[in-house]
Amino acid sequence: MAESTPSRKPLTPRKPPSGAAPTPAAREALGWLHSARFLVSASQLHQLPQGDMPEIAFVGRSNAGKSSAINTLAQQRQLAFASKTPGRTQLINLFALGPRDLPDAYFADLPGYGYAAVDRGKKLVWQKVMADYLAVRRALAGVVLMVDSRHGFTPLDRQLLEFVAQRVRTGEVKLLVLLTKADKLNRTEAQQATATAHEELAEFVTEESDVGVALFSSVKRTGIEDVAETLRAWITAGPVRVVTDAVAPEAQASDSPSGDAPGTPDAPPASNPD
């Protein structure tokens, strides 16, 4: 276990709602999330919109509850789709938030990972796209990592975090870990899951970083208001742009405009394994 030093900012537990009426801030944040609508699907970074519109990426192992969490936060039943066939479609699905004529942020639903049934070649392709997105996507403002609260961090979760580790430590990219399916835990198990997550994330906490942990349940709506406020604050506070060594010259090129046109805004979102 990595011990915190006085120079590190402590990880702050995200408490689930107490059942009281939503605060004005929570209502505003939930209304903002409810505005989410599908924009484009892309298999490569150069197919995504270019510019400085801040993006919040949702990532997680397949079956960690990613699609359910996105739908619950947006208060929409089928905003994000989960494929019934593992590994069939692996695309980045982008959603716009805010006023229709002037959106202020994007959600990026990244492909689920971890299906054993998918051949190694395809896995390597997906891993490269996700690694490039997390390491060099200039618009990336925050990452929401879904971790099944019953099982904790897997080696694949840790590998994914390494792709964005340097940017998290410098504060360029914020990080929130959602411990999903928390309704399946009793109080003691929930406390242990949260404490273990804090230990796992200690190495990413610095004076500049913004790292958090939240118990989350789409079934019992645990943590929704708190998470909504957190995500909204990420956008309204504005991204902190820090140049880091994580951006390699060849990777920068993959995030630059190209002749390939992005997908059409009115196309249906592709299914991502949940």
Protein backbone atom coordinates (compact mmCIF):
# COMPACT_ATOMS: atom_id res chain seq x y z
CA MET A 1 0.00 0.00 0.00
CA ALA A 2 1.31 3.41 -0.94
CA GLU A 3 1.14 5.70 2.06
CA SER A 4 0.04 9.30 1.65
CA THR A 5 2.57 12.02 2.39
CA PRO A 6 1.81 15.54 3.60
CA SER A 7 2.33 16.84 0.04
CA ARG A 8 -0.46 14.70 -1.36
CA LYS A 9 -4.09 15.67 -1.54
CA PRO A 10 -6.24 13.07 0.25
CA LEU A 11 -8.82 11.09 -1.65
CA THR A 12 -12.27 12.30 -0.65
CA PRO A 13 -15.00 9.66 -0.42
CA ARG A 14 -18.12 10.49 -2.42
CA LYS A 15 -21.05 9.90 -0.11
CA PRO A 16 -24.30 8.50 -1.51
CA PRO A 17 -27.38 10.71 -1.27
CA SER A 18 -29.19 10.64 2.06
CA GLY A 19 -32.66 10.55 0.51
CA ALA A 20 -33.26 14.28 0.94
CA ALA A 21 -34.50 16.42 -1.94
CA PRO A 22 -31.78 17.23 -4.48
CA THR A 23 -29.87 20.41 -3.85
CA PRO A 24 -30.10 23.20 -6.46
CA ALA A 25 -26.61 22.26 -7.63
CA ALA A 26 -27.64 18.62 -8.02
CA ARG A 27 -30.79 19.54 -9.92
CA GLU A 28 -28.80 21.73 -12.28
CA ALA A 29 -26.21 18.99 -12.83
CA LEU A 30 -28.85 16.31 -13.44
CA GLY A 31 -30.63 18.56 -15.92
CA TRP A 32 -27.35 19.06 -17.76
CA LEU A 33 -26.73 15.30 -17.92
CA HIS A 34 -30.27 14.72 -19.17
CA SER A 35 -29.48 16.86 -22.22
CA ALA A 36 -27.05 14.20 -23.53
CA ARG A 37 -27.70 13.13 -27.13
CA PHE A 38 -25.78 10.96 -29.58
CA LEU A 39 -23.33 12.76 -31.85
CA VAL A 40 -20.98 10.35 -33.64
CA SER A 41 -19.32 6.91 -33.58
CA ALA A 42 -15.65 6.49 -34.48
CA SER A 43 -13.18 3.64 -34.77
CA GLN A 44 -10.13 5.94 -34.94
CA LEU A 45 -9.22 9.20 -33.21
CA HIS A 46 -9.05 11.21 -36.43
CA GLN A 47 -12.76 10.48 -36.97
CA LEU A 48 -13.67 12.38 -33.81
CA PRO A 49 -14.41 16.13 -33.80
CA GLN A 50 -11.34 18.31 -33.47
CA GLY A 51 -11.22 21.33 -31.18
CA ASP A 52 -11.21 22.23 -27.50
CA MET A 53 -14.68 21.03 -26.46
CA PRO A 54 -14.01 19.22 -23.15
CA GLU A 55 -14.66 15.47 -23.15
CA ILE A 56 -15.41 13.13 -20.25
CA ALA A 57 -14.56 9.52 -21.10
CA PHE A 58 -16.40 6.55 -19.60
CA VAL A 59 -14.30 3.40 -19.52
CA GLY A 60 -14.56 0.02 -17.86
CA ARG A 61 -14.23 -3.70 -18.13
CA SER A 62 -17.01 -5.45 -20.01
CA ASN A 63 -19.93 -6.22 -17.67
CA ALA A 64 -18.83 -3.59 -15.13
CA GLY A 65 -22.09 -1.70 -15.69
CA LYS A 66 -20.79 1.11 -17.91
CA SER A 67 -23.84 1.46 -20.17
CA SER A 68 -26.22 1.24 -17.23
CA ALA A 69 -24.30 3.96 -15.39
CA ILE A 70 -24.34 6.30 -18.41
CA ASN A 71 -28.08 5.76 -18.95
CA THR A 72 -28.82 6.28 -15.26
CA LEU A 73 -26.80 9.49 -15.04
CA ALA A 74 -28.44 10.83 -18.21
CA GLN A 75 -31.88 9.66 -17.02
CA GLN A 76 -32.41 8.01 -20.39
CA ARG A 77 -33.15 4.34 -20.93
CA GLN A 78 -31.22 3.73 -24.14
CA LEU A 79 -28.68 6.50 -24.56
CA ALA A 80 -25.84 3.98 -24.35
CA PHE A 81 -26.42 0.48 -25.68
CA ALA A 82 -24.87 -2.76 -24.48
CA SER A 83 -24.20 -5.33 -27.18
CA LYS A 84 -25.74 -8.75 -26.68
CA THR A 85 -22.83 -10.24 -28.59
CA PRO A 86 -19.54 -9.64 -26.73
CA GLY A 87 -16.94 -7.85 -28.80
CA ARG A 88 -19.11 -7.38 -31.90
CA THR A 89 -18.77 -3.60 -32.06
CA GLN A 90 -15.86 -1.65 -30.66
CA LEU A 91 -16.27 2.06 -31.32
CA ILE A 92 -15.96 5.31 -29.44
CA ASN A 93 -19.47 6.75 -29.13
CA LEU A 94 -19.60 10.50 -28.54
CA PHE A 95 -22.56 12.34 -26.95
CA ALA A 96 -23.10 16.10 -26.77
CA LEU A 97 -24.31 17.87 -23.61
CA GLY A 98 -25.74 21.31 -22.98
CA PRO A 99 -27.94 23.49 -25.22
CA ARG A 100 -28.56 21.96 -28.64
CA ASP A 101 -27.31 25.00 -30.47
CA LEU A 102 -24.32 25.49 -28.16
CA PRO A 103 -23.13 22.29 -26.42
CA ASP A 104 -20.52 22.74 -23.72
CA ALA A 105 -19.12 19.21 -23.36
CA TYR A 106 -18.98 15.70 -24.80
CA PHE A 107 -19.30 12.28 -23.19
CA ALA A 108 -17.10 9.63 -24.81
CA ASP A 109 -18.28 6.04 -24.29
CA LEU A 110 -15.16 3.96 -24.89
CA PRO A 111 -15.32 0.25 -25.80
CA GLY A 112 -15.62 -2.25 -22.99
CA TYR A 113 -12.59 -4.47 -22.51
CA GLY A 114 -11.85 -7.93 -21.17
CA TYR A 115 -13.93 -10.33 -23.27
CA ALA A 116 -11.98 -13.59 -23.59
CA ALA A 117 -13.98 -14.63 -26.68
CA VAL A 118 -12.49 -11.86 -28.83
CA ASP A 119 -9.38 -12.78 -30.82
CA ARG A 120 -6.05 -11.28 -29.79
CA GLY A 121 -5.58 -9.27 -32.97
CA LYS A 122 -8.78 -7.30 -32.44
CA LYS A 123 -7.95 -6.78 -28.78
CA LEU A 124 -4.60 -5.23 -29.71
CA VAL A 125 -6.26 -2.86 -32.18
CA TRP A 126 -8.81 -1.71 -29.57
CA GLN A 127 -6.11 -1.36 -26.95
CA LYS A 128 -4.05 0.88 -29.24
CA VAL A 129 -7.02 3.16 -29.98
CA MET A 130 -7.95 3.42 -26.29
CA ALA A 131 -4.34 3.97 -25.23
CA ASP A 132 -3.92 6.77 -27.77
CA TYR A 133 -7.22 8.36 -26.76
CA LEU A 134 -6.37 8.40 -23.06
CA ALA A 135 -2.74 9.43 -23.51
CA VAL A 136 -3.01 12.13 -26.14
CA ARG A 137 -6.60 13.22 -26.85
CA ARG A 138 -6.25 16.97 -26.30
CA ALA A 139 -9.90 17.56 -25.46
CA LEU A 140 -9.96 14.94 -22.68
CA ALA A 141 -10.86 16.66 -19.41
CA GLY A 142 -11.84 13.72 -17.20
CA VAL A 143 -12.08 9.94 -17.02
CA VAL A 144 -14.80 7.96 -15.25
CA LEU A 145 -13.60 4.41 -14.66
CA MET A 146 -16.23 1.77 -13.86
CA VAL A 147 -15.05 -0.95 -11.47
CA ASP A 148 -17.33 -3.73 -10.25
CA SER A 149 -17.46 -3.11 -6.49
CA ARG A 150 -17.69 -6.84 -5.79
CA HIS A 151 -14.41 -7.68 -7.54
CA GLY A 152 -12.27 -4.54 -7.34
CA PHE A 153 -9.55 -3.50 -9.75
CA THR A 154 -8.43 -6.08 -12.30
CA PRO A 155 -5.06 -6.14 -14.10
CA LEU A 156 -6.81 -4.68 -17.16
CA ASP A 157 -8.19 -1.79 -15.07
CA ARG A 158 -4.69 -1.04 -13.81
CA GLN A 159 -3.26 -1.23 -17.32
CA LEU A 160 -5.87 1.22 -18.56
CA LEU A 161 -5.03 3.65 -15.76
CA GLU A 162 -1.40 3.59 -16.81
CA PHE A 163 -2.38 4.98 -20.21
CA VAL A 164 -3.62 8.18 -18.54
CA ALA A 165 -1.53 8.12 -15.35
CA GLN A 166 0.82 11.00 -16.17
CA ARG A 167 -2.02 13.29 -17.20
CA VAL A 168 -3.94 12.49 -14.00
CA ARG A 169 -0.93 13.19 -11.79
CA THR A 170 -0.35 16.61 -13.37
CA GLY A 171 -4.03 17.54 -13.06
CA GLU A 172 -4.53 17.80 -16.81
CA VAL A 173 -7.14 15.02 -16.65
CA LYS A 174 -9.45 14.39 -13.69
CA LEU A 175 -10.30 10.87 -12.53
CA LEU A 176 -13.38 9.44 -10.84
CA VAL A 177 -13.73 5.72 -10.10
CA LEU A 178 -17.30 4.47 -9.83
CA LEU A 179 -17.64 1.32 -7.74
CA THR A 180 -20.63 -0.04 -9.61
CA LYS A 181 -23.29 -2.54 -8.51
CA ALA A 182 -22.92 -1.25 -4.94
CA ASP A 183 -26.48 -2.42 -4.19
CA LYS A 184 -25.07 -5.94 -4.01
CA LEU A 185 -22.83 -5.06 -1.04
CA ASN A 186 -23.66 -4.77 2.64
CA ARG A 187 -22.34 -1.80 4.61
CA THR A 188 -19.13 -3.50 5.70
CA GLU A 189 -18.38 -4.71 2.19
CA ALA A 190 -19.06 -1.25 0.76
CA GLN A 191 -16.65 0.34 3.25
CA GLN A 192 -13.99 -2.22 2.40
CA ALA A 193 -14.45 -1.73 -1.34
CA THR A 194 -14.05 2.03 -0.94
CA ALA A 195 -10.96 1.69 1.25
CA THR A 196 -9.36 -0.74 -1.20
CA ALA A 197 -10.06 1.63 -4.11
CA HIS A 198 -8.34 4.46 -2.22
CA GLU A 199 -5.28 2.26 -1.75
CA GLU A 200 -5.22 1.41 -5.44
CA LEU A 201 -5.40 5.06 -6.44
CA ALA A 202 -2.94 6.48 -3.92
CA GLU A 203 -0.11 6.52 -6.46
CA PHE A 204 -2.08 8.90 -8.69
CA VAL A 205 -2.76 11.49 -5.98
CA THR A 206 -0.65 14.65 -6.05
CA GLU A 207 -1.12 18.31 -5.14
CA GLU A 208 -2.32 18.93 -8.70
CA SER A 209 -4.53 15.87 -9.26
CA ASP A 210 -8.28 15.53 -8.86
CA VAL A 211 -8.99 11.88 -7.99
CA GLY A 212 -12.19 10.55 -6.44
CA VAL A 213 -14.08 7.37 -5.59
CA ALA A 214 -17.85 6.89 -5.50
CA LEU A 215 -20.10 3.99 -4.63
CA PHE A 216 -22.64 3.71 -7.43
CA SER A 217 -25.77 1.70 -8.15
CA SER A 218 -28.01 2.10 -11.17
CA VAL A 219 -30.61 -0.08 -9.43
CA LYS A 220 -30.90 1.91 -6.19
CA ARG A 221 -29.63 5.18 -7.73
CA THR A 222 -26.85 5.35 -5.17
CA GLY A 223 -24.39 8.16 -5.76
CA ILE A 224 -26.16 9.70 -8.75
CA GLU A 225 -26.51 13.24 -7.39
CA ASP A 226 -22.97 13.38 -6.11
CA VAL A 227 -21.52 12.06 -9.35
CA ALA A 228 -23.64 14.46 -11.40
CA GLU A 229 -22.35 17.43 -9.41
CA THR A 230 -18.77 16.20 -9.76
CA LEU A 231 -18.97 15.85 -13.54
CA ARG A 232 -20.66 19.21 -13.94
CA ALA A 233 -17.99 20.85 -11.79
CA TRP A 234 -15.28 19.36 -14.02
CA ILE A 235 -16.71 21.24 -16.99
CA THR A 236 -17.66 24.53 -15.33
CA ALA A 237 -14.28 24.75 -13.60
CA GLY A 238 -12.56 24.44 -16.97
CA PRO A 239 -9.79 22.00 -17.90
CA VAL A 240 -6.24 22.51 -16.71
CA ARG A 241 -3.98 22.16 -19.73
CA VAL A 242 -0.54 20.87 -18.82
CA VAL A 243 2.02 19.68 -21.34
CA THR A 244 3.27 16.24 -20.27
CA ASP A 245 5.75 13.64 -21.46
CA ALA A 246 2.83 11.29 -22.15
CA VAL A 247 2.30 12.95 -25.53
CA ALA A 248 4.58 11.25 -28.03
CA PRO A 249 5.10 12.90 -31.44
CA GLU A 250 3.71 9.94 -33.35
CA ALA A 251 0.70 9.77 -31.04
CA GLN A 252 0.02 13.49 -31.49
CA ALA A 253 -0.35 12.87 -35.19
CA SER A 254 -3.12 10.35 -34.56
CA ASP A 255 -5.19 13.08 -32.89
CA SER A 256 -4.78 15.58 -35.69
CA PRO A 257 -7.39 16.30 -38.38
CA SER A 258 -7.36 14.08 -41.44
CA GLY A 259 -9.27 13.67 -44.63
CA ASP A 260 -11.60 11.09 -43.11
CA ALA A 261 -14.93 12.65 -42.27
CA PRO A 262 -16.49 11.94 -38.88
CA GLY A 263 -19.69 9.94 -38.66
CA THR A 264 -22.96 11.72 -39.24
CA PRO A 265 -24.66 13.18 -36.15
CA ASP A 266 -27.99 11.51 -36.97
CA ALA A 267 -26.57 7.99 -37.20
CA PRO A 268 -27.60 5.63 -34.36
CA PRO A 269 -24.96 4.90 -31.72
CA ALA A 270 -23.16 1.62 -32.09
CA SER A 271 -23.40 -0.94 -29.34
CA ASN A 272 -20.54 -1.18 -26.88
CA PRO A 273 -20.17 -4.22 -24.61
CA ASP A 274 -21.17 -3.23 -21.09
